[in-house]
Amino acid sequence: MHRFTRVLRRIGIVLLVIAILLGGVYLALPKGPRDPMTFNDPWRQDRPLVKAASYVAEAGTPWATDAAMAVLAQGGNAFDAAAAALLVLNVTHGEAASFPSIAAGAV
């Protein structure tokens, strides 16, 4: 019984040390809101804030965004919308797509 108490005491000490270390790390981390990241738009276009209740999509061109939104409006999931946006993006802004020569043949 004495050995069991010793093991429990050691486990308690280890857990206490871990809790103290984690508390120190937490206290060392920065607190409060982060500064928003600045974006220098090369086209100098004003882009309004978008809020949505059920879904939202954003892509490199308005046509790709419209394709993704259409897929989501028809009940598709995020992967379907991303695939649709990528296919349209490959046609409208080819250097921004991730598979340049395959999608054009698929479309």
C-alpha atoms as a PDB file:
ATOM      1  CA  MET A   1       0.000   0.000   0.000  1.00  0.00           C
ATOM      2  CA  HIS A   2       2.877   2.341   0.774  1.00  0.00           C
ATOM      3  CA  ARG A   3       4.318   1.806  -2.725  1.00  0.00           C
ATOM      4  CA  PHE A   4       0.950   2.651  -4.319  1.00  0.00           C
ATOM      5  CA  THR A   5       0.782   5.951  -2.414  1.00  0.00           C
ATOM      6  CA  ARG A   6       4.295   6.806  -3.510  1.00  0.00           C
ATOM      7  CA  VAL A   7       3.390   6.177  -7.168  1.00  0.00           C
ATOM      8  CA  LEU A   8       0.255   8.328  -6.837  1.00  0.00           C
ATOM      9  CA  ARG A   9       2.277  11.100  -5.216  1.00  0.00           C
ATOM     10  CA  ARG A  10       4.823  11.030  -8.079  1.00  0.00           C
ATOM     11  CA  ILE A  11       2.046  11.121 -10.663  1.00  0.00           C
ATOM     12  CA  GLY A  12       0.534  14.093  -8.839  1.00  0.00           C
ATOM     13  CA  ILE A  13       3.872  15.911  -8.815  1.00  0.00           C
ATOM     14  CA  VAL A  14       4.382  15.263 -12.531  1.00  0.00           C
ATOM     15  CA  LEU A  15       0.881  16.541 -13.299  1.00  0.00           C
ATOM     16  CA  LEU A  16       1.492  19.620 -11.150  1.00  0.00           C
ATOM     17  CA  VAL A  17       4.760  20.365 -12.974  1.00  0.00           C
ATOM     18  CA  ILE A  18       3.032  19.961 -16.344  1.00  0.00           C
ATOM     19  CA  ALA A  19       0.217  22.295 -15.242  1.00  0.00           C
ATOM     20  CA  ILE A  20       2.737  24.911 -14.068  1.00  0.00           C
ATOM     21  CA  LEU A  21       4.661  24.690 -17.355  1.00  0.00           C
ATOM     22  CA  LEU A  22       1.487  25.007 -19.423  1.00  0.00           C
ATOM     23  CA  GLY A  23       0.363  27.944 -17.287  1.00  0.00           C
ATOM     24  CA  GLY A  24       3.692  29.671 -17.901  1.00  0.00           C
ATOM     25  CA  VAL A  25       3.400  29.121 -21.636  1.00  0.00           C
ATOM     26  CA  TYR A  26      -0.143  30.497 -21.576  1.00  0.00           C
ATOM     27  CA  LEU A  27       0.973  33.583 -19.672  1.00  0.00           C
ATOM     28  CA  ALA A  28       3.841  34.142 -22.132  1.00  0.00           C
ATOM     29  CA  LEU A  29       1.577  34.051 -25.196  1.00  0.00           C
ATOM     30  CA  PRO A  30       0.348  37.398 -26.551  1.00  0.00           C
ATOM     31  CA  LYS A  31      -3.169  38.390 -25.537  1.00  0.00           C
ATOM     32  CA  GLY A  32      -5.806  40.570 -27.101  1.00  0.00           C
ATOM     33  CA  PRO A  33      -6.905  41.149 -30.664  1.00  0.00           C
ATOM     34  CA  ARG A  34      -4.367  40.823 -33.405  1.00  0.00           C
ATOM     35  CA  ASP A  35      -3.767  43.654 -35.816  1.00  0.00           C
ATOM     36  CA  PRO A  36      -5.523  42.976 -39.109  1.00  0.00           C
ATOM     37  CA  MET A  37      -3.269  42.033 -41.954  1.00  0.00           C
ATOM     38  CA  THR A  38      -2.968  44.758 -44.566  1.00  0.00           C
ATOM     39  CA  PHE A  39      -3.646  43.959 -48.188  1.00  0.00           C
ATOM     40  CA  ASN A  40      -2.278  46.168 -50.915  1.00  0.00           C
ATOM     41  CA  ASP A  41      -4.704  45.668 -53.772  1.00  0.00           C
ATOM     42  CA  PRO A  42      -2.820  46.217 -57.041  1.00  0.00           C
ATOM     43  CA  TRP A  43      -6.075  47.241 -58.781  1.00  0.00           C
ATOM     44  CA  ARG A  44      -7.045  49.695 -56.005  1.00  0.00           C
ATOM     45  CA  GLN A  45     -10.584  48.346 -55.812  1.00  0.00           C
ATOM     46  CA  ASP A  46     -12.744  48.794 -52.756  1.00  0.00           C
ATOM     47  CA  ARG A  47     -13.973  45.410 -51.580  1.00  0.00           C
ATOM     48  CA  PRO A  48     -16.927  45.372 -49.199  1.00  0.00           C
ATOM     49  CA  LEU A  49     -17.142  43.099 -46.186  1.00  0.00           C
ATOM     50  CA  VAL A  50     -19.146  39.957 -46.873  1.00  0.00           C
ATOM     51  CA  LYS A  51     -21.365  38.340 -44.240  1.00  0.00           C
ATOM     52  CA  ALA A  52     -23.491  35.269 -44.827  1.00  0.00           C
ATOM     53  CA  ALA A  53     -25.957  33.161 -42.882  1.00  0.00           C
ATOM     54  CA  SER A  54     -25.434  29.833 -44.638  1.00  0.00           C
ATOM     55  CA  TYR A  55     -22.471  29.864 -47.026  1.00  0.00           C
ATOM     56  CA  VAL A  56     -19.946  32.101 -48.717  1.00  0.00           C
ATOM     57  CA  ALA A  57     -17.435  31.605 -51.525  1.00  0.00           C
ATOM     58  CA  GLU A  58     -14.493  33.625 -52.735  1.00  0.00           C
ATOM     59  CA  ALA A  59     -12.200  32.971 -55.651  1.00  0.00           C
ATOM     60  CA  GLY A  60      -9.731  34.808 -57.832  1.00  0.00           C
ATOM     61  CA  THR A  61     -12.255  36.008 -60.404  1.00  0.00           C
ATOM     62  CA  PRO A  62     -15.933  36.959 -60.143  1.00  0.00           C
ATOM     63  CA  TRP A  63     -16.852  34.180 -62.561  1.00  0.00           C
ATOM     64  CA  ALA A  64     -15.219  31.516 -60.393  1.00  0.00           C
ATOM     65  CA  THR A  65     -16.960  32.943 -57.338  1.00  0.00           C
ATOM     66  CA  ASP A  66     -20.310  32.865 -59.162  1.00  0.00           C
ATOM     67  CA  ALA A  67     -19.720  29.229 -60.130  1.00  0.00           C
ATOM     68  CA  ALA A  68     -18.936  28.256 -56.538  1.00  0.00           C
ATOM     69  CA  MET A  69     -21.975  30.135 -55.227  1.00  0.00           C
ATOM     70  CA  ALA A  70     -24.195  28.450 -57.815  1.00  0.00           C
ATOM     71  CA  VAL A  71     -22.987  25.008 -56.736  1.00  0.00           C
ATOM     72  CA  LEU A  72     -23.594  25.859 -53.066  1.00  0.00           C
ATOM     73  CA  ALA A  73     -27.056  27.280 -53.854  1.00  0.00           C
ATOM     74  CA  GLN A  74     -27.968  24.003 -55.567  1.00  0.00           C
ATOM     75  CA  GLY A  75     -27.059  22.017 -52.465  1.00  0.00           C
ATOM     76  CA  GLY A  76     -23.460  21.101 -53.229  1.00  0.00           C
ATOM     77  CA  ASN A  77     -20.819  20.866 -50.545  1.00  0.00           C
ATOM     78  CA  ALA A  78     -17.620  22.870 -50.124  1.00  0.00           C
ATOM     79  CA  PHE A  79     -15.559  20.409 -52.164  1.00  0.00           C
ATOM     80  CA  ASP A  80     -17.990  20.611 -55.094  1.00  0.00           C
ATOM     81  CA  ALA A  81     -17.878  24.406 -54.948  1.00  0.00           C
ATOM     82  CA  ALA A  82     -14.077  24.426 -54.795  1.00  0.00           C
ATOM     83  CA  ALA A  83     -13.842  22.108 -57.808  1.00  0.00           C
ATOM     84  CA  ALA A  84     -16.264  24.267 -59.807  1.00  0.00           C
ATOM     85  CA  ALA A  85     -14.389  27.430 -58.870  1.00  0.00           C
ATOM     86  CA  LEU A  86     -11.066  25.845 -59.797  1.00  0.00           C
ATOM     87  CA  LEU A  87     -12.342  24.735 -63.197  1.00  0.00           C
ATOM     88  CA  VAL A  88     -13.710  28.198 -63.988  1.00  0.00           C
ATOM     89  CA  LEU A  89     -10.565  29.799 -62.582  1.00  0.00           C
ATOM     90  CA  ASN A  90      -8.450  27.676 -64.887  1.00  0.00           C
ATOM     91  CA  VAL A  91     -10.301  29.073 -67.881  1.00  0.00           C
ATOM     92  CA  THR A  92     -10.553  32.694 -66.758  1.00  0.00           C
ATOM     93  CA  HIS A  93      -7.239  33.102 -64.917  1.00  0.00           C
ATOM     94  CA  GLY A  94      -5.147  30.092 -65.896  1.00  0.00           C
ATOM     95  CA  GLU A  95      -1.959  30.983 -64.048  1.00  0.00           C
ATOM     96  CA  ALA A  96      -3.864  30.945 -60.741  1.00  0.00           C
ATOM     97  CA  ALA A  97      -5.205  27.388 -61.146  1.00  0.00           C
ATOM     98  CA  SER A  98      -3.431  24.411 -59.634  1.00  0.00           C
ATOM     99  CA  PHE A  99      -3.659  22.015 -62.556  1.00  0.00           C
ATOM    100  CA  PRO A 100      -3.058  24.150 -65.669  1.00  0.00           C
ATOM    101  CA  SER A 101      -3.338  21.704 -68.525  1.00  0.00           C
ATOM    102  CA  ILE A 102      -5.786  19.114 -67.230  1.00  0.00           C
ATOM    103  CA  ALA A 103      -8.845  21.259 -66.446  1.00  0.00           C
ATOM    104  CA  ALA A 104      -9.012  22.877 -69.868  1.00  0.00           C
ATOM    105  CA  GLY A 105      -9.448  19.447 -71.420  1.00  0.00           C
ATOM    106  CA  ALA A 106     -12.039  18.480 -68.833  1.00  0.00           C
ATOM    107  CA  VAL A 107     -14.107  21.600 -69.478  1.00  0.00           C
END
